[in-house]
Amino acid sequence: MVGVIVLLVGGFLVLSDKKAPAPIIQIPPEEIISMMKPEEIGLTLTASSDNKKVILEVENTNGITGLDYELSYTSKGNIPRGVIGHIDIKQAGRKILQEITLGTCSDVCHYDEGVSNIKLILKVAKTDGTVGQVEKSLEL
């Protein structure tokens, strides 16, 4: 009899201790980024005549709403440096020209010396909602 009571009480406790189901967490799908060739958007990357700036040029902006860039390089003493930025494309088909300073500027510019290993990663936001990525390197 005691065994039956223990089983009934134990069963009651197990059945009455139901927890609410765990909430389902929706994870947004990762953004799919397609690799592009620099020629697809007419991308060129050149150094200014004094090697203190890099000139980013995009000839073909048709179908593009914006560009996010990350320029990384190494300065004297093997110090990793970089610049990030965004360019809004306000008028499709218009050529984009962006000068990127190799150093820091506030009231006065302090340019990095011994710059090497310049690499540009450009994220291209398109009008159809997709994103492409272009990479280009430059040696001074």
C-alpha atoms as a PDB file:
ATOM      1  CA  MET A   1       0.000   0.000   0.000  1.00  0.00           C
ATOM      2  CA  VAL A   2       2.815   2.395   0.895  1.00  0.00           C
ATOM      3  CA  GLY A   3       4.394   1.633  -2.523  1.00  0.00           C
ATOM      4  CA  VAL A   4       1.167   2.593  -4.312  1.00  0.00           C
ATOM      5  CA  ILE A   5       0.927   5.880  -2.406  1.00  0.00           C
ATOM      6  CA  VAL A   6       4.566   6.706  -3.216  1.00  0.00           C
ATOM      7  CA  LEU A   7       3.913   5.980  -6.895  1.00  0.00           C
ATOM      8  CA  LEU A   8       0.755   8.123  -6.938  1.00  0.00           C
ATOM      9  CA  VAL A   9       2.410  11.077  -5.161  1.00  0.00           C
ATOM     10  CA  GLY A  10       5.536  10.792  -7.348  1.00  0.00           C
ATOM     11  CA  GLY A  11       3.431  10.606 -10.512  1.00  0.00           C
ATOM     12  CA  PHE A  12       1.380  13.612  -9.400  1.00  0.00           C
ATOM     13  CA  LEU A  13       4.534  15.654  -8.751  1.00  0.00           C
ATOM     14  CA  VAL A  14       6.061  14.731 -12.107  1.00  0.00           C
ATOM     15  CA  LEU A  15       2.880  15.514 -14.054  1.00  0.00           C
ATOM     16  CA  SER A  16       2.073  18.734 -12.205  1.00  0.00           C
ATOM     17  CA  ASP A  17       5.603  20.138 -12.628  1.00  0.00           C
ATOM     18  CA  LYS A  18       5.251  20.894 -16.326  1.00  0.00           C
ATOM     19  CA  LYS A  19       7.191  23.911 -17.432  1.00  0.00           C
ATOM     20  CA  ALA A  20       6.175  26.289 -20.157  1.00  0.00           C
ATOM     21  CA  PRO A  21       7.874  25.454 -23.446  1.00  0.00           C
ATOM     22  CA  ALA A  22      11.060  27.361 -24.134  1.00  0.00           C
ATOM     23  CA  PRO A  23      10.499  30.353 -26.383  1.00  0.00           C
ATOM     24  CA  ILE A  24      11.566  29.960 -29.985  1.00  0.00           C
ATOM     25  CA  ILE A  25      14.252  32.447 -30.891  1.00  0.00           C
ATOM     26  CA  GLN A  26      14.230  33.613 -34.479  1.00  0.00           C
ATOM     27  CA  ILE A  27      17.725  34.122 -35.829  1.00  0.00           C
ATOM     28  CA  PRO A  28      17.812  36.312 -38.925  1.00  0.00           C
ATOM     29  CA  PRO A  29      19.413  34.641 -41.915  1.00  0.00           C
ATOM     30  CA  GLU A  30      22.988  35.688 -42.562  1.00  0.00           C
ATOM     31  CA  GLU A  31      23.471  38.197 -45.293  1.00  0.00           C
ATOM     32  CA  ILE A  32      24.747  36.444 -48.386  1.00  0.00           C
ATOM     33  CA  ILE A  33      27.580  38.381 -49.969  1.00  0.00           C
ATOM     34  CA  SER A  34      28.609  37.585 -53.515  1.00  0.00           C
ATOM     35  CA  MET A  35      32.180  38.155 -54.637  1.00  0.00           C
ATOM     36  CA  MET A  36      32.566  40.622 -57.485  1.00  0.00           C
ATOM     37  CA  LYS A  37      35.436  41.560 -59.763  1.00  0.00           C
ATOM     38  CA  PRO A  38      36.736  45.151 -59.695  1.00  0.00           C
ATOM     39  CA  GLU A  39      35.954  45.438 -63.424  1.00  0.00           C
ATOM     40  CA  GLU A  40      32.221  44.916 -62.763  1.00  0.00           C
ATOM     41  CA  ILE A  41      31.963  48.340 -61.126  1.00  0.00           C
ATOM     42  CA  GLY A  42      34.975  49.967 -62.789  1.00  0.00           C
ATOM     43  CA  LEU A  43      36.952  50.079 -59.533  1.00  0.00           C
ATOM     44  CA  THR A  44      40.416  51.618 -59.550  1.00  0.00           C
ATOM     45  CA  LEU A  45      42.667  52.303 -56.596  1.00  0.00           C
ATOM     46  CA  THR A  46      45.598  54.681 -57.062  1.00  0.00           C
ATOM     47  CA  ALA A  47      48.000  56.605 -54.854  1.00  0.00           C
ATOM     48  CA  SER A  48      48.164  60.392 -54.832  1.00  0.00           C
ATOM     49  CA  SER A  49      51.344  61.930 -56.260  1.00  0.00           C
ATOM     50  CA  ASP A  50      52.739  62.451 -52.737  1.00  0.00           C
ATOM     51  CA  ASN A  51      51.674  58.950 -51.517  1.00  0.00           C
ATOM     52  CA  LYS A  52      49.743  60.506 -48.627  1.00  0.00           C
ATOM     53  CA  LYS A  53      46.305  59.512 -49.931  1.00  0.00           C
ATOM     54  CA  VAL A  54      44.659  56.706 -51.831  1.00  0.00           C
ATOM     55  CA  ILE A  55      42.086  57.567 -54.490  1.00  0.00           C
ATOM     56  CA  LEU A  56      39.134  55.200 -54.718  1.00  0.00           C
ATOM     57  CA  GLU A  57      37.261  55.498 -58.015  1.00  0.00           C
ATOM     58  CA  VAL A  58      34.095  53.669 -59.121  1.00  0.00           C
ATOM     59  CA  GLU A  59      33.067  54.278 -62.735  1.00  0.00           C
ATOM     60  CA  ASN A  60      29.851  52.195 -62.859  1.00  0.00           C
ATOM     61  CA  THR A  61      27.359  52.954 -60.078  1.00  0.00           C
ATOM     62  CA  ASN A  62      24.269  51.698 -61.931  1.00  0.00           C
ATOM     63  CA  GLY A  63      22.229  49.451 -59.633  1.00  0.00           C
ATOM     64  CA  ILE A  64      24.218  50.519 -56.533  1.00  0.00           C
ATOM     65  CA  THR A  65      22.752  52.345 -53.524  1.00  0.00           C
ATOM     66  CA  GLY A  66      25.857  52.590 -51.333  1.00  0.00           C
ATOM     67  CA  LEU A  67      29.434  51.537 -50.724  1.00  0.00           C
ATOM     68  CA  ASP A  68      31.095  50.615 -47.423  1.00  0.00           C
ATOM     69  CA  TYR A  69      34.861  50.536 -47.566  1.00  0.00           C
ATOM     70  CA  GLU A  70      37.610  49.229 -45.336  1.00  0.00           C
ATOM     71  CA  LEU A  71      41.133  50.194 -46.296  1.00  0.00           C
ATOM     72  CA  SER A  72      43.884  48.439 -44.362  1.00  0.00           C
ATOM     73  CA  TYR A  73      47.619  48.965 -44.631  1.00  0.00           C
ATOM     74  CA  THR A  74      50.894  48.700 -42.750  1.00  0.00           C
ATOM     75  CA  SER A  75      52.893  51.785 -41.756  1.00  0.00           C
ATOM     76  CA  LYS A  76      56.519  52.279 -40.694  1.00  0.00           C
ATOM     77  CA  GLY A  77      57.469  49.923 -37.871  1.00  0.00           C
ATOM     78  CA  ASN A  78      55.101  47.254 -39.215  1.00  0.00           C
ATOM     79  CA  ILE A  79      52.123  48.937 -37.519  1.00  0.00           C
ATOM     80  CA  PRO A  80      48.706  47.850 -38.854  1.00  0.00           C
ATOM     81  CA  ARG A  81      46.479  50.810 -39.742  1.00  0.00           C
ATOM     82  CA  GLY A  82      43.119  51.252 -41.410  1.00  0.00           C
ATOM     83  CA  VAL A  83      40.274  53.491 -42.481  1.00  0.00           C
ATOM     84  CA  ILE A  84      36.568  52.709 -42.768  1.00  0.00           C
ATOM     85  CA  GLY A  85      33.857  54.747 -44.423  1.00  0.00           C
ATOM     86  CA  HIS A  86      30.570  54.864 -46.296  1.00  0.00           C
ATOM     87  CA  ILE A  87      29.612  56.465 -49.594  1.00  0.00           C
ATOM     88  CA  ASP A  88      25.958  57.069 -50.466  1.00  0.00           C
ATOM     89  CA  ILE A  89      25.155  56.759 -54.139  1.00  0.00           C
ATOM     90  CA  LYS A  90      22.715  59.594 -54.706  1.00  0.00           C
ATOM     91  CA  GLN A  91      22.590  59.451 -58.484  1.00  0.00           C
ATOM     92  CA  ALA A  92      22.935  56.178 -60.390  1.00  0.00           C
ATOM     93  CA  GLY A  93      25.446  56.165 -63.197  1.00  0.00           C
ATOM     94  CA  ARG A  94      27.537  58.931 -61.700  1.00  0.00           C
ATOM     95  CA  LYS A  95      31.257  58.288 -61.173  1.00  0.00           C
ATOM     96  CA  ILE A  96      32.438  58.172 -57.548  1.00  0.00           C
ATOM     97  CA  LEU A  97      35.793  59.586 -56.506  1.00  0.00           C
ATOM     98  CA  GLN A  98      36.865  59.308 -52.844  1.00  0.00           C
ATOM     99  CA  GLU A  99      40.222  60.384 -51.402  1.00  0.00           C
ATOM    100  CA  ILE A 100      41.293  58.386 -48.356  1.00  0.00           C
ATOM    101  CA  THR A 101      44.014  59.877 -46.148  1.00  0.00           C
ATOM    102  CA  LEU A 102      46.812  57.558 -45.031  1.00  0.00           C
ATOM    103  CA  GLY A 103      47.110  58.988 -41.533  1.00  0.00           C
ATOM    104  CA  THR A 104      45.027  61.086 -39.171  1.00  0.00           C
ATOM    105  CA  CYS A 105      43.673  64.595 -39.568  1.00  0.00           C
ATOM    106  CA  SER A 106      41.988  66.991 -37.160  1.00  0.00           C
ATOM    107  CA  ASP A 107      43.355  70.539 -37.239  1.00  0.00           C
ATOM    108  CA  VAL A 108      46.558  69.239 -38.821  1.00  0.00           C
ATOM    109  CA  CYS A 109      47.172  66.038 -40.787  1.00  0.00           C
ATOM    110  CA  HIS A 110      49.774  63.559 -39.594  1.00  0.00           C
ATOM    111  CA  TYR A 111      50.523  61.228 -42.492  1.00  0.00           C
ATOM    112  CA  ASP A 112      51.759  57.692 -41.993  1.00  0.00           C
ATOM    113  CA  GLU A 113      55.225  56.934 -43.327  1.00  0.00           C
ATOM    114  CA  GLY A 114      56.500  53.752 -44.920  1.00  0.00           C
ATOM    115  CA  VAL A 115      53.034  52.668 -46.048  1.00  0.00           C
ATOM    116  CA  SER A 116      52.783  49.210 -47.644  1.00  0.00           C
ATOM    117  CA  ASN A 117      50.375  46.297 -48.117  1.00  0.00           C
ATOM    118  CA  ILE A 118      47.349  48.469 -48.974  1.00  0.00           C
ATOM    119  CA  LYS A 119      44.177  46.394 -49.266  1.00  0.00           C
ATOM    120  CA  LEU A 120      40.644  47.618 -49.970  1.00  0.00           C
ATOM    121  CA  ILE A 121      37.513  45.643 -49.154  1.00  0.00           C
ATOM    122  CA  LEU A 122      34.446  47.275 -50.672  1.00  0.00           C
ATOM    123  CA  LYS A 123      30.898  46.160 -49.778  1.00  0.00           C
ATOM    124  CA  VAL A 124      28.497  47.074 -52.575  1.00  0.00           C
ATOM    125  CA  ALA A 125      24.816  47.526 -51.599  1.00  0.00           C
ATOM    126  CA  LYS A 126      22.655  47.009 -54.665  1.00  0.00           C
ATOM    127  CA  THR A 127      19.201  48.315 -55.520  1.00  0.00           C
ATOM    128  CA  ASP A 128      17.811  44.737 -55.580  1.00  0.00           C
ATOM    129  CA  GLY A 129      18.724  44.301 -51.890  1.00  0.00           C
ATOM    130  CA  THR A 130      21.751  42.064 -52.438  1.00  0.00           C
ATOM    131  CA  VAL A 131      25.288  42.829 -51.332  1.00  0.00           C
ATOM    132  CA  GLY A 132      28.496  42.234 -53.246  1.00  0.00           C
ATOM    133  CA  GLN A 133      32.101  42.442 -52.174  1.00  0.00           C
ATOM    134  CA  VAL A 134      35.109  43.603 -54.159  1.00  0.00           C
ATOM    135  CA  GLU A 135      38.735  43.402 -53.045  1.00  0.00           C
ATOM    136  CA  LYS A 136      41.670  45.280 -54.506  1.00  0.00           C
ATOM    137  CA  SER A 137      45.297  45.750 -53.454  1.00  0.00           C
ATOM    138  CA  LEU A 138      47.795  48.523 -54.093  1.00  0.00           C
ATOM    139  CA  GLU A 139      51.546  48.780 -53.544  1.00  0.00           C
ATOM    140  CA  LEU A 140      53.252  52.173 -53.213  1.00  0.00           C
END
